Amino acid sequence: MVSKKSKKTADNMNSRIKLVMKSGKAILGYKATLKSLRTSKSKMVLIASNCPPLRKSEIEYLAMLSKTQVHHYTGDNNELGTACGKFFNASVMSIIDAGDSDILTRNSKE
C-alpha cells in the first residue's frame, strides 16, 4: 500500500513534469540524455525506478561531472513516459529548460 504522502509527492512531481513538457524544453531517452550531459546543456535528469543499474550509474557519473541535479523518479519507465504525455516508455528524462515550472528549485529543497 502506498502511503498518502508519497502518492501526493508523486502527483506533485507528475504535474511539474507536465508543466515542463508544455512550457519548457525536455529530452526523453538514454542516448539523448547522455549527449545533453556531455555538452552540459542539461539542468536536471530524472531516472525511472526500473532503469538498469549500469545505465543509472553511468548517468549519475556524467551528471556529477557536469554538475547536474539527479532525481530518482518513484515510478517505473512506463509511468515516466505517461507523465511526459507520451505513449511510450522513457527510463531517462533530461530537462534543458524548466519553463514556467519550479521543478529545479523545489527538488533541491525536498
C-alpha atoms as a PDB file:
ATOM      1  CA  MET A   1       0.000   0.000   0.000  1.00  0.00           C
ATOM      2  CA  VAL A   2       1.353   3.396  -0.991  1.00  0.00           C
ATOM      3  CA  SER A   3       1.301   5.989   1.749  1.00  0.00           C
ATOM      4  CA  LYS A   4      -0.748   9.134   1.229  1.00  0.00           C
ATOM      5  CA  LYS A   5       2.284  11.440   1.451  1.00  0.00           C
ATOM      6  CA  SER A   6       4.329   9.568  -1.167  1.00  0.00           C
ATOM      7  CA  LYS A   7       1.323   9.486  -3.520  1.00  0.00           C
ATOM      8  CA  LYS A   8       0.868  13.236  -3.088  1.00  0.00           C
ATOM      9  CA  THR A   9       4.571  13.820  -3.786  1.00  0.00           C
ATOM     10  CA  ALA A  10       4.385  11.668  -6.927  1.00  0.00           C
ATOM     11  CA  ASP A  11       1.311  13.549  -8.152  1.00  0.00           C
ATOM     12  CA  ASN A  12       3.086  16.841  -7.472  1.00  0.00           C
ATOM     13  CA  MET A  13       6.124  15.642  -9.445  1.00  0.00           C
ATOM     14  CA  ASN A  14       3.920  14.498 -12.324  1.00  0.00           C
ATOM     15  CA  SER A  15       2.257  17.908 -12.538  1.00  0.00           C
ATOM     16  CA  ARG A  16       5.678  19.596 -12.592  1.00  0.00           C
ATOM     17  CA  ILE A  17       6.845  17.276 -15.371  1.00  0.00           C
ATOM     18  CA  LYS A  18       3.707  18.073 -17.397  1.00  0.00           C
ATOM     19  CA  LEU A  19       4.379  21.790 -16.985  1.00  0.00           C
ATOM     20  CA  VAL A  20       7.986  21.333 -18.133  1.00  0.00           C
ATOM     21  CA  MET A  21       6.828  19.441 -21.222  1.00  0.00           C
ATOM     22  CA  LYS A  22       4.302  22.176 -22.005  1.00  0.00           C
ATOM     23  CA  SER A  23       6.313  25.345 -21.328  1.00  0.00           C
ATOM     24  CA  GLY A  24       9.956  24.259 -21.158  1.00  0.00           C
ATOM     25  CA  LYS A  25      12.340  22.033 -23.080  1.00  0.00           C
ATOM     26  CA  ALA A  26      12.987  18.407 -22.169  1.00  0.00           C
ATOM     27  CA  ILE A  27      14.594  15.396 -23.810  1.00  0.00           C
ATOM     28  CA  LEU A  28      13.458  11.800 -23.410  1.00  0.00           C
ATOM     29  CA  GLY A  29      15.742   8.823 -23.830  1.00  0.00           C
ATOM     30  CA  TYR A  30      19.089   7.480 -22.744  1.00  0.00           C
ATOM     31  CA  LYS A  31      21.260   8.445 -25.727  1.00  0.00           C
ATOM     32  CA  ALA A  32      19.904  11.981 -25.999  1.00  0.00           C
ATOM     33  CA  THR A  33      20.339  12.479 -22.244  1.00  0.00           C
ATOM     34  CA  LEU A  34      23.972  11.362 -22.409  1.00  0.00           C
ATOM     35  CA  LYS A  35      24.552  13.831 -25.238  1.00  0.00           C
ATOM     36  CA  SER A  36      22.963  16.694 -23.267  1.00  0.00           C
ATOM     37  CA  LEU A  37      25.032  15.785 -20.186  1.00  0.00           C
ATOM     38  CA  ARG A  38      28.279  15.710 -22.176  1.00  0.00           C
ATOM     39  CA  THR A  39      27.567  19.155 -23.629  1.00  0.00           C
ATOM     40  CA  SER A  40      26.410  20.430 -20.189  1.00  0.00           C
ATOM     41  CA  LYS A  41      23.047  21.592 -21.572  1.00  0.00           C
ATOM     42  CA  SER A  42      21.033  19.580 -19.073  1.00  0.00           C
ATOM     43  CA  LYS A  43      19.848  21.216 -15.843  1.00  0.00           C
ATOM     44  CA  MET A  44      18.244  18.132 -14.295  1.00  0.00           C
ATOM     45  CA  VAL A  45      17.986  14.417 -15.035  1.00  0.00           C
ATOM     46  CA  LEU A  46      15.092  12.181 -13.967  1.00  0.00           C
ATOM     47  CA  ILE A  47      15.755   8.445 -13.783  1.00  0.00           C
ATOM     48  CA  ALA A  48      12.934   5.887 -13.570  1.00  0.00           C
ATOM     49  CA  SER A  49      12.972   3.332 -10.764  1.00  0.00           C
ATOM     50  CA  ASN A  50      13.415   0.341 -13.059  1.00  0.00           C
ATOM     51  CA  CYS A  51      16.327   1.761 -15.069  1.00  0.00           C
ATOM     52  CA  PRO A  52      19.158  -0.817 -15.264  1.00  0.00           C
ATOM     53  CA  PRO A  53      21.862  -0.277 -12.588  1.00  0.00           C
ATOM     54  CA  LEU A  54      24.759   0.098 -15.037  1.00  0.00           C
ATOM     55  CA  ARG A  55      22.873   2.687 -17.065  1.00  0.00           C
ATOM     56  CA  LYS A  56      21.801   4.500 -13.891  1.00  0.00           C
ATOM     57  CA  SER A  57      25.359   4.697 -12.541  1.00  0.00           C
ATOM     58  CA  GLU A  58      26.684   5.969 -15.892  1.00  0.00           C
ATOM     59  CA  ILE A  59      24.094   8.760 -15.951  1.00  0.00           C
ATOM     60  CA  GLU A  60      24.804   9.660 -12.310  1.00  0.00           C
ATOM     61  CA  TYR A  61      28.540   9.791 -13.031  1.00  0.00           C
ATOM     62  CA  LEU A  62      28.121  12.093 -16.045  1.00  0.00           C
ATOM     63  CA  ALA A  63      25.662  14.249 -14.086  1.00  0.00           C
ATOM     64  CA  MET A  64      28.219  14.613 -11.297  1.00  0.00           C
ATOM     65  CA  LEU A  65      30.873  15.711 -13.801  1.00  0.00           C
ATOM     66  CA  SER A  66      28.566  18.257 -15.412  1.00  0.00           C
ATOM     67  CA  LYS A  67      27.179  19.423 -12.017  1.00  0.00           C
ATOM     68  CA  THR A  68      23.603  18.482 -12.930  1.00  0.00           C
ATOM     69  CA  GLN A  69      20.835  17.587 -10.465  1.00  0.00           C
ATOM     70  CA  VAL A  70      19.626  13.987 -10.483  1.00  0.00           C
ATOM     71  CA  HIS A  71      16.152  12.986  -9.341  1.00  0.00           C
ATOM     72  CA  HIS A  72      15.200   9.333  -8.911  1.00  0.00           C
ATOM     73  CA  TYR A  73      11.610   9.160 -10.137  1.00  0.00           C
ATOM     74  CA  THR A  74       9.462   6.899  -7.949  1.00  0.00           C
ATOM     75  CA  GLY A  75       7.543   5.321 -10.837  1.00  0.00           C
ATOM     76  CA  ASP A  76       8.814   2.954 -13.494  1.00  0.00           C
ATOM     77  CA  ASN A  77       9.655   3.854 -17.093  1.00  0.00           C
ATOM     78  CA  ASN A  78       6.045   3.414 -18.211  1.00  0.00           C
ATOM     79  CA  GLU A  79       4.822   5.942 -15.627  1.00  0.00           C
ATOM     80  CA  LEU A  80       7.585   8.425 -16.521  1.00  0.00           C
ATOM     81  CA  GLY A  81       6.606   8.256 -20.188  1.00  0.00           C
ATOM     82  CA  THR A  82       2.957   8.755 -19.275  1.00  0.00           C
ATOM     83  CA  ALA A  83       3.822  11.733 -17.040  1.00  0.00           C
ATOM     84  CA  CYS A  84       5.549  13.307 -20.038  1.00  0.00           C
ATOM     85  CA  GLY A  85       2.387  12.886 -22.081  1.00  0.00           C
ATOM     86  CA  LYS A  86       3.874  10.234 -24.375  1.00  0.00           C
ATOM     87  CA  PHE A  87       2.508   6.809 -25.220  1.00  0.00           C
ATOM     88  CA  PHE A  88       5.834   5.026 -24.812  1.00  0.00           C
ATOM     89  CA  ASN A  89       8.280   4.123 -22.055  1.00  0.00           C
ATOM     90  CA  ALA A  90      11.049   6.515 -21.058  1.00  0.00           C
ATOM     91  CA  SER A  91      13.573   5.407 -18.461  1.00  0.00           C
ATOM     92  CA  VAL A  92      15.532   8.681 -18.539  1.00  0.00           C
ATOM     93  CA  MET A  93      14.444  12.287 -18.997  1.00  0.00           C
ATOM     94  CA  SER A  94      16.657  15.351 -19.224  1.00  0.00           C
ATOM     95  CA  ILE A  95      15.346  18.849 -18.516  1.00  0.00           C
ATOM     96  CA  ILE A  96      17.119  21.554 -20.501  1.00  0.00           C
ATOM     97  CA  ASP A  97      14.788  24.465 -19.764  1.00  0.00           C
ATOM     98  CA  ALA A  98      12.258  24.306 -16.940  1.00  0.00           C
ATOM     99  CA  GLY A  99       9.941  26.938 -18.444  1.00  0.00           C
ATOM    100  CA  ASP A 100       7.200  28.010 -16.003  1.00  0.00           C
ATOM    101  CA  SER A 101       7.759  25.006 -13.723  1.00  0.00           C
ATOM    102  CA  ASP A 102       9.510  25.247 -10.358  1.00  0.00           C
ATOM    103  CA  ILE A 103      10.929  21.729 -10.671  1.00  0.00           C
ATOM    104  CA  LEU A 104      14.587  22.828 -10.435  1.00  0.00           C
ATOM    105  CA  THR A 105      14.159  24.930  -7.287  1.00  0.00           C
ATOM    106  CA  ARG A 106      11.635  22.720  -5.460  1.00  0.00           C
ATOM    107  CA  ASN A 107      13.540  19.452  -5.782  1.00  0.00           C
ATOM    108  CA  SER A 108      16.684  20.782  -4.136  1.00  0.00           C
ATOM    109  CA  LYS A 109      14.613  21.679  -1.033  1.00  0.00           C
ATOM    110  CA  GLU A 110      12.791  18.341  -0.753  1.00  0.00           C
END
